[in-house]
Amino acid sequence: MTLYYRPIPQIDRSRGKDSYSLAGGKVWFSKVEILERNRDSYIVPALEIPDQVMSALMDERPNVLGFSPSSPIIMGILNATPDSFSDGNKWSGPAQALVRVKNMISAGVNIIDIGGESTRPGFKAISEKEELSRVIPIIKSIRDADLNVPLSIDTTKATVAAKALEAGVDFVNDISAMISDTNMVNVVKINNAPVCLMHSEPMTTDSSNLPRYENVLLDVYDFLADRLKDTDLLGIPRSKIVVDPGIGFGKTMEHNLILLNGLSLFHSLGCPVLLGASRKRFIGTITGEAEPKKRLAGSIAVSLEGLRQGVQILRVHDIVGNCQATKMWKAMNCD
């Protein structure tokens, strides 16, 4: 049976001698939960786990975005779409988007993720041409303004990623983990670009066709582990990869909560972990807030839990609130 190793994260300033920094950051661990399918988990001292696993857990994550592993990265969302679930049509032109980008930079954002196709439940796919017409003018306007901020392209289309990289984007965020368009692998390789691989399942509002998992935490982990093996074989080094468990993408509220509770497991993949839960529906379900834009407090609560578990990248809508919360978290636990 396959064993899975979840470090139990700690942030207390008092540490014993047998404690280890998680992914080179300020979160640490001294015990590890061992998980198996169809068996109860158990906890062992970190000293008892295999050297290869310990190396993956302790290793400073590849600096794919140029930031220290001890400094959480705030990825700001810029939706150049008319139908995104919380800010559709608000930043869909270069002029409007440039105002938004400048405000995000002033608030302390570290990287901006630009998307031209909505991926909300029930979204309608658009053509490659339409997606390019939405994102490329915005990317060019940001670069023409000499704004010194890294940019990410949120797309599953290889041609869109290639054109975006050519226009000045630094990072590819593919919610299909480079499965939707197999040529994405070549685009990433040719450009030597960092890429985020996310787990997702088809989203549906049909209660008879809800996603089913044997064990959502381990199933998502296995998917990402298999994609990492594939990308290794395809010639993309792990040092260029970020992983994302895909909160909300083909998951029920219960699935999302299980994944959030077990986030630290994904560190054993040896890659930086991205958490994108901002304003998601499950937050509204739990808090009773139907309006996505009013889910700031719930979203920040999830962000802080991600930081507690050593997540390196937070993908968020509300830059001011998340930057303030992150600064306070760091001051209390890291500085």
C-alpha atoms as a PDB file:
ATOM      1  CA  MET A   1       0.000   0.000   0.000  1.00  0.00           C
ATOM      2  CA  THR A   2       1.115   3.530  -0.759  1.00  0.00           C
ATOM      3  CA  LEU A   3       2.008   5.632   2.262  1.00  0.00           C
ATOM      4  CA  TYR A   4       1.321   9.370   2.329  1.00  0.00           C
ATOM      5  CA  TYR A   5       3.169  11.758   4.639  1.00  0.00           C
ATOM      6  CA  ARG A   6       1.451  14.855   6.020  1.00  0.00           C
ATOM      7  CA  PRO A   7       3.667  17.055   8.199  1.00  0.00           C
ATOM      8  CA  ILE A   8       1.764  18.440  11.182  1.00  0.00           C
ATOM      9  CA  PRO A   9       2.438  22.190  10.932  1.00  0.00           C
ATOM     10  CA  GLN A  10       3.433  24.343  13.896  1.00  0.00           C
ATOM     11  CA  ILE A  11       4.028  28.079  14.132  1.00  0.00           C
ATOM     12  CA  ASP A  12       4.942  28.485  17.794  1.00  0.00           C
ATOM     13  CA  ARG A  13       8.198  30.379  18.337  1.00  0.00           C
ATOM     14  CA  SER A  14       9.356  27.733  20.817  1.00  0.00           C
ATOM     15  CA  ARG A  15      10.759  24.752  18.951  1.00  0.00           C
ATOM     16  CA  GLY A  16      12.354  21.547  20.111  1.00  0.00           C
ATOM     17  CA  LYS A  17      15.657  20.298  18.747  1.00  0.00           C
ATOM     18  CA  ASP A  18      13.925  17.630  16.639  1.00  0.00           C
ATOM     19  CA  SER A  19      11.854  20.133  14.665  1.00  0.00           C
ATOM     20  CA  TYR A  20      12.303  20.976  11.000  1.00  0.00           C
ATOM     21  CA  SER A  21      11.397  23.964   8.831  1.00  0.00           C
ATOM     22  CA  LEU A  22       8.641  23.178   6.370  1.00  0.00           C
ATOM     23  CA  ALA A  23       9.673  24.005   2.810  1.00  0.00           C
ATOM     24  CA  GLY A  24      12.332  26.419   4.013  1.00  0.00           C
ATOM     25  CA  GLY A  25       9.776  28.733   5.617  1.00  0.00           C
ATOM     26  CA  LYS A  26       8.872  29.708   9.169  1.00  0.00           C
ATOM     27  CA  VAL A  27       6.285  26.979   9.664  1.00  0.00           C
ATOM     28  CA  TRP A  28       7.869  23.892  11.224  1.00  0.00           C
ATOM     29  CA  PHE A  29       7.029  20.304  12.077  1.00  0.00           C
ATOM     30  CA  SER A  30       8.303  17.602  14.404  1.00  0.00           C
ATOM     31  CA  LYS A  31       5.622  14.966  13.758  1.00  0.00           C
ATOM     32  CA  VAL A  32       4.128  13.502  10.610  1.00  0.00           C
ATOM     33  CA  GLU A  33       0.762  11.879   9.999  1.00  0.00           C
ATOM     34  CA  ILE A  34       1.036   8.677   7.973  1.00  0.00           C
ATOM     35  CA  LEU A  35      -1.996   8.043   5.777  1.00  0.00           C
ATOM     36  CA  GLU A  36      -3.032   4.949   3.852  1.00  0.00           C
ATOM     37  CA  ARG A  37      -6.142   4.171   1.869  1.00  0.00           C
ATOM     38  CA  ASN A  38      -8.825   2.299   3.796  1.00  0.00           C
ATOM     39  CA  ARG A  39      -6.833   2.376   7.046  1.00  0.00           C
ATOM     40  CA  ASP A  40      -6.685   4.662  10.048  1.00  0.00           C
ATOM     41  CA  SER A  41      -3.884   7.183   9.997  1.00  0.00           C
ATOM     42  CA  TYR A  42      -1.234   7.370  12.696  1.00  0.00           C
ATOM     43  CA  ILE A  43       1.413   9.865  13.841  1.00  0.00           C
ATOM     44  CA  VAL A  44       5.165   9.329  14.063  1.00  0.00           C
ATOM     45  CA  PRO A  45       8.127  11.552  14.924  1.00  0.00           C
ATOM     46  CA  ALA A  46       9.532  13.242  11.847  1.00  0.00           C
ATOM     47  CA  LEU A  47      12.825  11.421  12.402  1.00  0.00           C
ATOM     48  CA  GLU A  48      11.125   8.153  11.463  1.00  0.00           C
ATOM     49  CA  ILE A  49      10.027   9.051   7.946  1.00  0.00           C
ATOM     50  CA  PRO A  50      12.137   8.172   4.864  1.00  0.00           C
ATOM     51  CA  ASP A  51      15.021  10.472   3.987  1.00  0.00           C
ATOM     52  CA  GLN A  52      13.589  11.153   0.531  1.00  0.00           C
ATOM     53  CA  VAL A  53      10.304  12.363   2.000  1.00  0.00           C
ATOM     54  CA  MET A  54      12.057  14.430   4.634  1.00  0.00           C
ATOM     55  CA  SER A  55      14.186  16.030   1.945  1.00  0.00           C
ATOM     56  CA  ALA A  56      11.069  17.028  -0.012  1.00  0.00           C
ATOM     57  CA  LEU A  57       9.410  18.466   3.083  1.00  0.00           C
ATOM     58  CA  MET A  58      12.411  20.441   4.298  1.00  0.00           C
ATOM     59  CA  ASP A  59      13.729  21.616   0.952  1.00  0.00           C
ATOM     60  CA  GLU A  60      13.381  25.290   0.212  1.00  0.00           C
ATOM     61  CA  ARG A  61      10.872  25.435  -2.583  1.00  0.00           C
ATOM     62  CA  PRO A  62      12.276  26.364  -5.992  1.00  0.00           C
ATOM     63  CA  ASN A  63      12.238  30.106  -6.296  1.00  0.00           C
ATOM     64  CA  VAL A  64      10.051  29.936  -9.409  1.00  0.00           C
ATOM     65  CA  LEU A  65       8.687  33.453  -8.945  1.00  0.00           C
ATOM     66  CA  GLY A  66      11.763  35.077  -7.444  1.00  0.00           C
ATOM     67  CA  PHE A  67      10.479  35.314  -3.876  1.00  0.00           C
ATOM     68  CA  SER A  68      11.794  33.947  -0.586  1.00  0.00           C
ATOM     69  CA  PRO A  69       9.993  30.800   0.662  1.00  0.00           C
ATOM     70  CA  SER A  70       9.559  32.504   4.036  1.00  0.00           C
ATOM     71  CA  SER A  71       7.539  35.346   2.473  1.00  0.00           C
ATOM     72  CA  PRO A  72       4.026  34.344   1.351  1.00  0.00           C
ATOM     73  CA  ILE A  73       3.241  35.481  -2.181  1.00  0.00           C
ATOM     74  CA  ILE A  74       0.015  37.358  -2.873  1.00  0.00           C
ATOM     75  CA  MET A  75      -1.258  36.633  -6.387  1.00  0.00           C
ATOM     76  CA  GLY A  76      -3.859  39.186  -7.373  1.00  0.00           C
ATOM     77  CA  ILE A  77      -6.700  38.164  -9.686  1.00  0.00           C
ATOM     78  CA  LEU A  78      -7.413  40.280 -12.774  1.00  0.00           C
ATOM     79  CA  ASN A  79     -10.397  38.897 -14.673  1.00  0.00           C
ATOM     80  CA  ALA A  80     -10.595  40.304 -18.208  1.00  0.00           C
ATOM     81  CA  THR A  81     -13.976  38.658 -18.657  1.00  0.00           C
ATOM     82  CA  PRO A  82     -17.609  39.752 -18.862  1.00  0.00           C
ATOM     83  CA  ASP A  83     -18.917  36.771 -16.888  1.00  0.00           C
ATOM     84  CA  SER A  84     -16.620  35.975 -13.954  1.00  0.00           C
ATOM     85  CA  PHE A  85     -18.597  35.094 -10.849  1.00  0.00           C
ATOM     86  CA  SER A  86     -17.579  38.078  -8.718  1.00  0.00           C
ATOM     87  CA  ASP A  87     -16.124  40.838 -10.893  1.00  0.00           C
ATOM     88  CA  GLY A  88     -17.160  40.128 -14.456  1.00  0.00           C
ATOM     89  CA  ASN A  89     -16.838  43.001 -16.950  1.00  0.00           C
ATOM     90  CA  LYS A  90     -15.210  45.243 -14.362  1.00  0.00           C
ATOM     91  CA  TRP A  91     -11.623  45.101 -15.647  1.00  0.00           C
ATOM     92  CA  SER A  92     -12.225  43.962 -19.229  1.00  0.00           C
ATOM     93  CA  GLY A  93     -10.414  46.777 -21.034  1.00  0.00           C
ATOM     94  CA  PRO A  94      -6.753  47.931 -20.968  1.00  0.00           C
ATOM     95  CA  ALA A  95      -7.565  51.296 -19.381  1.00  0.00           C
ATOM     96  CA  GLN A  96      -9.724  49.830 -16.599  1.00  0.00           C
ATOM     97  CA  ALA A  97      -7.289  46.991 -16.050  1.00  0.00           C
ATOM     98  CA  LEU A  98      -4.343  49.362 -15.737  1.00  0.00           C
ATOM     99  CA  VAL A  99      -6.098  51.257 -12.944  1.00  0.00           C
ATOM    100  CA  ARG A 100      -6.759  47.967 -11.155  1.00  0.00           C
ATOM    101  CA  VAL A 101      -3.130  46.847 -11.590  1.00  0.00           C
ATOM    102  CA  LYS A 102      -1.742  50.094 -10.172  1.00  0.00           C
ATOM    103  CA  ASN A 103      -4.047  49.800  -7.169  1.00  0.00           C
ATOM    104  CA  MET A 104      -2.968  46.205  -6.591  1.00  0.00           C
ATOM    105  CA  ILE A 105       0.700  47.164  -6.744  1.00  0.00           C
ATOM    106  CA  SER A 106       0.133  49.972  -4.238  1.00  0.00           C
ATOM    107  CA  ALA A 107      -1.614  47.499  -1.926  1.00  0.00           C
ATOM    108  CA  GLY A 108       1.369  45.142  -1.985  1.00  0.00           C
ATOM    109  CA  VAL A 109       0.549  42.446  -4.556  1.00  0.00           C
ATOM    110  CA  ASN A 110       3.477  40.227  -5.624  1.00  0.00           C
ATOM    111  CA  ILE A 111       2.166  38.834  -8.929  1.00  0.00           C
ATOM    112  CA  ILE A 112      -0.941  39.459 -11.039  1.00  0.00           C
ATOM    113  CA  ASP A 113      -2.876  36.595 -12.630  1.00  0.00           C
ATOM    114  CA  ILE A 114      -4.666  37.668 -15.830  1.00  0.00           C
ATOM    115  CA  GLY A 115      -7.497  35.536 -17.155  1.00  0.00           C
ATOM    116  CA  GLY A 116      -9.644  35.977 -20.251  1.00  0.00           C
ATOM    117  CA  GLU A 117     -12.042  33.046 -19.878  1.00  0.00           C
ATOM    118  CA  SER A 118     -14.338  32.497 -16.917  1.00  0.00           C
ATOM    119  CA  THR A 119     -14.090  29.123 -15.177  1.00  0.00           C
ATOM    120  CA  ARG A 120     -17.074  29.600 -12.866  1.00  0.00           C
ATOM    121  CA  PRO A 121     -19.636  26.774 -12.664  1.00  0.00           C
ATOM    122  CA  GLY A 122     -21.653  26.654 -15.878  1.00  0.00           C
ATOM    123  CA  PHE A 123     -19.195  28.825 -17.828  1.00  0.00           C
ATOM    124  CA  LYS A 124     -19.290  28.884 -21.615  1.00  0.00           C
ATOM    125  CA  ALA A 125     -16.029  28.197 -23.410  1.00  0.00           C
ATOM    126  CA  ILE A 126     -14.780  30.904 -25.740  1.00  0.00           C
ATOM    127  CA  SER A 127     -12.571  30.764 -28.810  1.00  0.00           C
ATOM    128  CA  GLU A 128      -8.835  31.179 -28.768  1.00  0.00           C
ATOM    129  CA  LYS A 129      -9.257  34.390 -30.784  1.00  0.00           C
ATOM    130  CA  GLU A 130     -11.696  35.855 -28.268  1.00  0.00           C
ATOM    131  CA  GLU A 131      -9.491  34.996 -25.314  1.00  0.00           C
ATOM    132  CA  LEU A 132      -6.452  36.564 -26.979  1.00  0.00           C
ATOM    133  CA  SER A 133      -8.431  39.733 -27.734  1.00  0.00           C
ATOM    134  CA  ARG A 134      -9.217  40.076 -24.027  1.00  0.00           C
ATOM    135  CA  VAL A 135      -5.811  39.447 -22.443  1.00  0.00           C
ATOM    136  CA  ILE A 136      -3.069  40.536 -24.865  1.00  0.00           C
ATOM    137  CA  PRO A 137      -3.997  44.273 -24.941  1.00  0.00           C
ATOM    138  CA  ILE A 138      -4.048  44.291 -21.138  1.00  0.00           C
ATOM    139  CA  ILE A 139      -0.657  42.584 -20.870  1.00  0.00           C
ATOM    140  CA  LYS A 140       0.840  45.011 -23.376  1.00  0.00           C
ATOM    141  CA  SER A 141      -0.642  48.018 -21.581  1.00  0.00           C
ATOM    142  CA  ILE A 142       0.923  46.882 -18.292  1.00  0.00           C
ATOM    143  CA  ARG A 143       4.322  46.328 -19.900  1.00  0.00           C
ATOM    144  CA  ASP A 144       4.129  49.603 -21.862  1.00  0.00           C
ATOM    145  CA  ALA A 145       3.480  51.388 -18.559  1.00  0.00           C
ATOM    146  CA  ASP A 146       6.763  49.950 -17.193  1.00  0.00           C
ATOM    147  CA  LEU A 147       5.042  48.565 -14.122  1.00  0.00           C
ATOM    148  CA  ASN A 148       7.554  46.363 -12.357  1.00  0.00           C
ATOM    149  CA  VAL A 149       5.309  43.447 -11.380  1.00  0.00           C
ATOM    150  CA  PRO A 150       5.420  39.780 -12.428  1.00  0.00           C
ATOM    151  CA  LEU A 151       2.462  38.647 -14.521  1.00  0.00           C
ATOM    152  CA  SER A 152       0.716  35.298 -14.839  1.00  0.00           C
ATOM    153  CA  ILE A 153      -1.603  34.084 -17.590  1.00  0.00           C
ATOM    154  CA  ASP A 154      -4.586  32.021 -16.456  1.00  0.00           C
ATOM    155  CA  THR A 155      -5.382  29.840 -19.473  1.00  0.00           C
ATOM    156  CA  THR A 156      -5.716  26.270 -20.679  1.00  0.00           C
ATOM    157  CA  LYS A 157      -4.932  27.163 -24.305  1.00  0.00           C
ATOM    158  CA  ALA A 158      -1.337  26.748 -25.501  1.00  0.00           C
ATOM    159  CA  THR A 159      -1.533  29.496 -28.127  1.00  0.00           C
ATOM    160  CA  VAL A 160      -2.885  31.975 -25.591  1.00  0.00           C
ATOM    161  CA  ALA A 161      -0.063  31.078 -23.200  1.00  0.00           C
ATOM    162  CA  ALA A 162       2.539  31.445 -25.978  1.00  0.00           C
ATOM    163  CA  LYS A 163       1.254  34.857 -27.070  1.00  0.00           C
ATOM    164  CA  ALA A 164       1.005  36.020 -23.453  1.00  0.00           C
ATOM    165  CA  LEU A 165       4.583  34.954 -22.713  1.00  0.00           C
ATOM    166  CA  GLU A 166       5.707  36.765 -25.857  1.00  0.00           C
ATOM    167  CA  ALA A 167       3.866  39.895 -24.666  1.00  0.00           C
ATOM    168  CA  GLY A 168       5.632  39.886 -21.300  1.00  0.00           C
ATOM    169  CA  VAL A 169       3.976  37.367 -18.969  1.00  0.00           C
ATOM    170  CA  ASP A 170       6.257  35.449 -16.593  1.00  0.00           C
ATOM    171  CA  PHE A 171       4.177  32.471 -15.427  1.00  0.00           C
ATOM    172  CA  VAL A 172       1.534  30.080 -16.768  1.00  0.00           C
ATOM    173  CA  ASN A 173      -1.431  29.112 -14.580  1.00  0.00           C
ATOM    174  CA  ASP A 174      -3.229  26.148 -16.191  1.00  0.00           C
ATOM    175  CA  ILE A 175      -6.274  24.869 -14.292  1.00  0.00           C
ATOM    176  CA  SER A 176      -6.206  21.698 -16.397  1.00  0.00           C
ATOM    177  CA  ALA A 177      -2.620  20.841 -15.382  1.00  0.00           C
ATOM    178  CA  MET A 178      -1.604  20.997 -19.085  1.00  0.00           C
ATOM    179  CA  ILE A 179      -4.073  18.240 -20.016  1.00  0.00           C
ATOM    180  CA  SER A 180      -6.699  20.295 -21.875  1.00  0.00           C
ATOM    181  CA  ASP A 181      -4.227  21.341 -24.577  1.00  0.00           C
ATOM    182  CA  THR A 182      -1.308  18.939 -24.909  1.00  0.00           C
ATOM    183  CA  ASN A 183       0.748  21.540 -26.779  1.00  0.00           C
ATOM    184  CA  MET A 184       0.941  23.541 -23.535  1.00  0.00           C
ATOM    185  CA  VAL A 185       3.895  21.354 -22.526  1.00  0.00           C
ATOM    186  CA  ASN A 186       5.877  22.521 -25.565  1.00  0.00           C
ATOM    187  CA  VAL A 187       5.025  26.168 -24.912  1.00  0.00           C
ATOM    188  CA  VAL A 188       6.206  25.920 -21.317  1.00  0.00           C
ATOM    189  CA  LYS A 189       9.400  24.065 -22.321  1.00  0.00           C
ATOM    190  CA  ILE A 190      10.340  26.394 -25.174  1.00  0.00           C
ATOM    191  CA  ASN A 191       9.874  29.469 -23.007  1.00  0.00           C
ATOM    192  CA  ASN A 192      11.434  27.868 -19.900  1.00  0.00           C
ATOM    193  CA  ALA A 193       8.390  29.202 -18.072  1.00  0.00           C
ATOM    194  CA  PRO A 194       7.194  28.333 -14.582  1.00  0.00           C
ATOM    195  CA  VAL A 195       3.785  26.662 -14.588  1.00  0.00           C
ATOM    196  CA  CYS A 196       1.061  25.908 -12.047  1.00  0.00           C
ATOM    197  CA  LEU A 197      -0.605  22.503 -12.292  1.00  0.00           C
ATOM    198  CA  MET A 198      -4.069  22.436 -10.750  1.00  0.00           C
ATOM    199  CA  HIS A 199      -6.426  19.577 -10.003  1.00  0.00           C
ATOM    200  CA  SER A 200      -9.921  20.004 -11.395  1.00  0.00           C
ATOM    201  CA  GLU A 201     -12.956  17.910 -12.197  1.00  0.00           C
ATOM    202  CA  PRO A 202     -15.907  18.892 -14.404  1.00  0.00           C
ATOM    203  CA  MET A 203     -18.160  21.250 -12.479  1.00  0.00           C
ATOM    204  CA  THR A 204     -21.897  20.675 -12.405  1.00  0.00           C
ATOM    205  CA  THR A 205     -25.017  21.898 -10.652  1.00  0.00           C
ATOM    206  CA  ASP A 206     -26.729  18.561 -11.271  1.00  0.00           C
ATOM    207  CA  SER A 207     -27.047  16.865  -7.867  1.00  0.00           C
ATOM    208  CA  SER A 208     -27.156  13.454  -9.549  1.00  0.00           C
ATOM    209  CA  ASN A 209     -23.769  14.026 -11.136  1.00  0.00           C
ATOM    210  CA  LEU A 210     -21.728  15.478  -8.276  1.00  0.00           C
ATOM    211  CA  PRO A 211     -18.002  14.642  -8.144  1.00  0.00           C
ATOM    212  CA  ARG A 212     -17.146  11.421  -6.355  1.00  0.00           C
ATOM    213  CA  TYR A 213     -13.852  10.543  -4.762  1.00  0.00           C
ATOM    214  CA  GLU A 214     -12.646   7.470  -2.936  1.00  0.00           C
ATOM    215  CA  ASN A 215     -10.617   9.769  -0.675  1.00  0.00           C
ATOM    216  CA  VAL A 216     -10.584  13.356  -1.918  1.00  0.00           C
ATOM    217  CA  LEU A 217      -7.324  14.319  -0.187  1.00  0.00           C
ATOM    218  CA  LEU A 218      -5.385  11.315  -1.455  1.00  0.00           C
ATOM    219  CA  ASP A 219      -7.088  11.305  -4.864  1.00  0.00           C
ATOM    220  CA  VAL A 220      -6.094  14.926  -5.504  1.00  0.00           C
ATOM    221  CA  TYR A 221      -2.585  14.226  -4.217  1.00  0.00           C
ATOM    222  CA  ASP A 222      -2.221  11.214  -6.537  1.00  0.00           C
ATOM    223  CA  PHE A 223      -3.420  13.238  -9.518  1.00  0.00           C
ATOM    224  CA  LEU A 224      -0.801  15.925  -8.903  1.00  0.00           C
ATOM    225  CA  ALA A 225       1.911  13.335  -8.197  1.00  0.00           C
ATOM    226  CA  ASP A 226       1.114  11.611 -11.500  1.00  0.00           C
ATOM    227  CA  ARG A 227       1.220  14.921 -13.385  1.00  0.00           C
ATOM    228  CA  LEU A 228       4.612  15.663 -11.862  1.00  0.00           C
ATOM    229  CA  LYS A 229       5.893  12.285 -13.061  1.00  0.00           C
ATOM    230  CA  ASP A 230       4.523  13.045 -16.528  1.00  0.00           C
ATOM    231  CA  THR A 231       6.127  16.481 -16.665  1.00  0.00           C
ATOM    232  CA  ASP A 232       9.440  15.004 -15.507  1.00  0.00           C
ATOM    233  CA  LEU A 233       9.302  12.586 -18.446  1.00  0.00           C
ATOM    234  CA  LEU A 234       8.341  15.419 -20.793  1.00  0.00           C
ATOM    235  CA  GLY A 235      11.386  17.417 -19.768  1.00  0.00           C
ATOM    236  CA  ILE A 236       9.910  20.070 -17.483  1.00  0.00           C
ATOM    237  CA  PRO A 237      11.927  20.224 -14.256  1.00  0.00           C
ATOM    238  CA  ARG A 238      10.108  20.179 -10.942  1.00  0.00           C
ATOM    239  CA  SER A 239      11.906  23.411 -10.092  1.00  0.00           C
ATOM    240  CA  LYS A 240       9.574  25.128 -12.579  1.00  0.00           C
ATOM    241  CA  ILE A 241       6.322  23.777 -11.163  1.00  0.00           C
ATOM    242  CA  VAL A 242       3.773  24.999  -8.624  1.00  0.00           C
ATOM    243  CA  VAL A 243       0.877  22.744  -7.520  1.00  0.00           C
ATOM    244  CA  ASP A 244      -2.696  23.720  -6.673  1.00  0.00           C
ATOM    245  CA  PRO A 245      -5.281  21.318  -5.162  1.00  0.00           C
ATOM    246  CA  GLY A 246      -8.042  23.201  -6.978  1.00  0.00           C
ATOM    247  CA  ILE A 247     -10.385  24.295  -4.219  1.00  0.00           C
ATOM    248  CA  GLY A 248     -13.905  24.570  -5.627  1.00  0.00           C
ATOM    249  CA  PHE A 249     -13.173  22.940  -8.972  1.00  0.00           C
ATOM    250  CA  GLY A 250     -15.403  19.881  -9.066  1.00  0.00           C
ATOM    251  CA  LYS A 251     -15.577  19.611  -5.278  1.00  0.00           C
ATOM    252  CA  THR A 252     -18.392  19.832  -2.795  1.00  0.00           C
ATOM    253  CA  MET A 253     -18.198  21.931   0.368  1.00  0.00           C
ATOM    254  CA  GLU A 254     -17.163  18.805   2.307  1.00  0.00           C
ATOM    255  CA  HIS A 255     -14.419  18.031  -0.220  1.00  0.00           C
ATOM    256  CA  ASN A 256     -13.074  21.569   0.045  1.00  0.00           C
ATOM    257  CA  LEU A 257     -12.944  21.437   3.839  1.00  0.00           C
ATOM    258  CA  ILE A 258     -11.106  18.096   3.806  1.00  0.00           C
ATOM    259  CA  LEU A 259      -8.529  19.496   1.376  1.00  0.00           C
ATOM    260  CA  LEU A 260      -8.047  22.659   3.443  1.00  0.00           C
ATOM    261  CA  ASN A 261      -7.592  20.609   6.612  1.00  0.00           C
ATOM    262  CA  GLY A 262      -4.949  18.466   4.912  1.00  0.00           C
ATOM    263  CA  LEU A 263      -3.127  21.103   2.840  1.00  0.00           C
ATOM    264  CA  SER A 264       0.275  20.367   4.371  1.00  0.00           C
ATOM    265  CA  LEU A 265       0.234  16.930   2.694  1.00  0.00           C
ATOM    266  CA  PHE A 266       0.957  18.580  -0.657  1.00  0.00           C
ATOM    267  CA  HIS A 267       4.363  19.786   0.533  1.00  0.00           C
ATOM    268  CA  SER A 268       5.641  16.230   0.165  1.00  0.00           C
ATOM    269  CA  LEU A 269       5.358  16.713  -3.608  1.00  0.00           C
ATOM    270  CA  GLY A 270       8.406  18.980  -3.357  1.00  0.00           C
ATOM    271  CA  CYS A 271       6.816  21.992  -5.103  1.00  0.00           C
ATOM    272  CA  PRO A 272       5.442  25.333  -3.949  1.00  0.00           C
ATOM    273  CA  VAL A 273       1.738  25.125  -3.109  1.00  0.00           C
ATOM    274  CA  LEU A 274      -0.822  27.636  -4.400  1.00  0.00           C
ATOM    275  CA  LEU A 275      -4.156  28.132  -2.651  1.00  0.00           C
ATOM    276  CA  GLY A 276      -7.003  29.713  -4.597  1.00  0.00           C
ATOM    277  CA  ALA A 277     -10.133  29.849  -2.458  1.00  0.00           C
ATOM    278  CA  SER A 278     -10.975  33.542  -2.591  1.00  0.00           C
ATOM    279  CA  ARG A 279     -14.731  34.308  -2.590  1.00  0.00           C
ATOM    280  CA  LYS A 280     -15.563  30.687  -3.493  1.00  0.00           C
ATOM    281  CA  ARG A 281     -19.105  29.354  -3.159  1.00  0.00           C
ATOM    282  CA  PHE A 282     -18.339  27.094  -0.202  1.00  0.00           C
ATOM    283  CA  ILE A 283     -17.394  30.167   1.840  1.00  0.00           C
ATOM    284  CA  GLY A 284     -20.793  31.640   1.079  1.00  0.00           C
ATOM    285  CA  THR A 285     -22.505  28.377   1.970  1.00  0.00           C
ATOM    286  CA  ILE A 286     -20.803  28.206   5.360  1.00  0.00           C
ATOM    287  CA  THR A 287     -21.144  31.891   6.236  1.00  0.00           C
ATOM    288  CA  GLY A 288     -24.543  32.489   4.697  1.00  0.00           C
ATOM    289  CA  GLU A 289     -23.189  35.238   2.436  1.00  0.00           C
ATOM    290  CA  ALA A 290     -24.668  34.923  -1.075  1.00  0.00           C
ATOM    291  CA  GLU A 291     -22.798  37.894  -2.568  1.00  0.00           C
ATOM    292  CA  PRO A 292     -19.221  36.890  -3.570  1.00  0.00           C
ATOM    293  CA  LYS A 293     -17.835  40.406  -3.055  1.00  0.00           C
ATOM    294  CA  LYS A 294     -18.937  40.316   0.595  1.00  0.00           C
ATOM    295  CA  ARG A 295     -16.968  37.155   1.443  1.00  0.00           C
ATOM    296  CA  LEU A 296     -13.777  38.981   2.425  1.00  0.00           C
ATOM    297  CA  ALA A 297     -13.682  37.848   6.061  1.00  0.00           C
ATOM    298  CA  GLY A 298     -14.344  34.226   5.140  1.00  0.00           C
ATOM    299  CA  SER A 299     -11.745  34.361   2.372  1.00  0.00           C
ATOM    300  CA  ILE A 300      -9.104  35.785   4.710  1.00  0.00           C
ATOM    301  CA  ALA A 301      -9.833  33.051   7.257  1.00  0.00           C
ATOM    302  CA  VAL A 302      -9.021  30.486   4.567  1.00  0.00           C
ATOM    303  CA  SER A 303      -5.882  32.395   3.520  1.00  0.00           C
ATOM    304  CA  LEU A 304      -4.572  32.426   7.092  1.00  0.00           C
ATOM    305  CA  GLU A 305      -5.199  28.696   7.432  1.00  0.00           C
ATOM    306  CA  GLY A 306      -3.190  28.242   4.248  1.00  0.00           C
ATOM    307  CA  LEU A 307      -0.309  30.233   5.733  1.00  0.00           C
ATOM    308  CA  ARG A 308      -0.472  28.150   8.901  1.00  0.00           C
ATOM    309  CA  GLN A 309       0.036  25.081   6.759  1.00  0.00           C
ATOM    310  CA  GLY A 310       2.977  26.548   4.870  1.00  0.00           C
ATOM    311  CA  VAL A 311       1.256  27.489   1.610  1.00  0.00           C
ATOM    312  CA  GLN A 312       3.532  29.764  -0.399  1.00  0.00           C
ATOM    313  CA  ILE A 313       1.108  31.456  -2.823  1.00  0.00           C
ATOM    314  CA  LEU A 314      -2.348  32.897  -2.101  1.00  0.00           C
ATOM    315  CA  ARG A 315      -4.474  33.678  -5.159  1.00  0.00           C
ATOM    316  CA  VAL A 316      -6.967  36.354  -4.079  1.00  0.00           C
ATOM    317  CA  HIS A 317      -9.374  39.052  -5.221  1.00  0.00           C
ATOM    318  CA  ASP A 318      -9.119  41.377  -2.205  1.00  0.00           C
ATOM    319  CA  ILE A 319      -5.511  42.556  -2.186  1.00  0.00           C
ATOM    320  CA  VAL A 320      -5.698  45.140   0.608  1.00  0.00           C
ATOM    321  CA  GLY A 321      -7.368  42.817   3.109  1.00  0.00           C
ATOM    322  CA  ASN A 322      -5.160  39.833   2.330  1.00  0.00           C
ATOM    323  CA  CYS A 323      -1.945  41.878   2.363  1.00  0.00           C
ATOM    324  CA  GLN A 324      -2.858  43.350   5.760  1.00  0.00           C
ATOM    325  CA  ALA A 325      -3.750  39.928   7.153  1.00  0.00           C
ATOM    326  CA  THR A 326      -0.551  38.379   5.784  1.00  0.00           C
ATOM    327  CA  LYS A 327       1.610  41.152   7.235  1.00  0.00           C
ATOM    328  CA  MET A 328       0.026  40.667  10.655  1.00  0.00           C
ATOM    329  CA  TRP A 329       0.429  36.895  10.432  1.00  0.00           C
ATOM    330  CA  LYS A 330       4.105  37.281   9.561  1.00  0.00           C
ATOM    331  CA  ALA A 331       4.704  39.825  12.336  1.00  0.00           C
ATOM    332  CA  MET A 332       3.196  37.488  14.911  1.00  0.00           C
ATOM    333  CA  ASN A 333       4.757  34.259  13.660  1.00  0.00           C
ATOM    334  CA  CYS A 334       7.782  34.945  11.510  1.00  0.00           C
ATOM    335  CA  ASP A 335       9.533  38.278  12.101  1.00  0.00           C
END
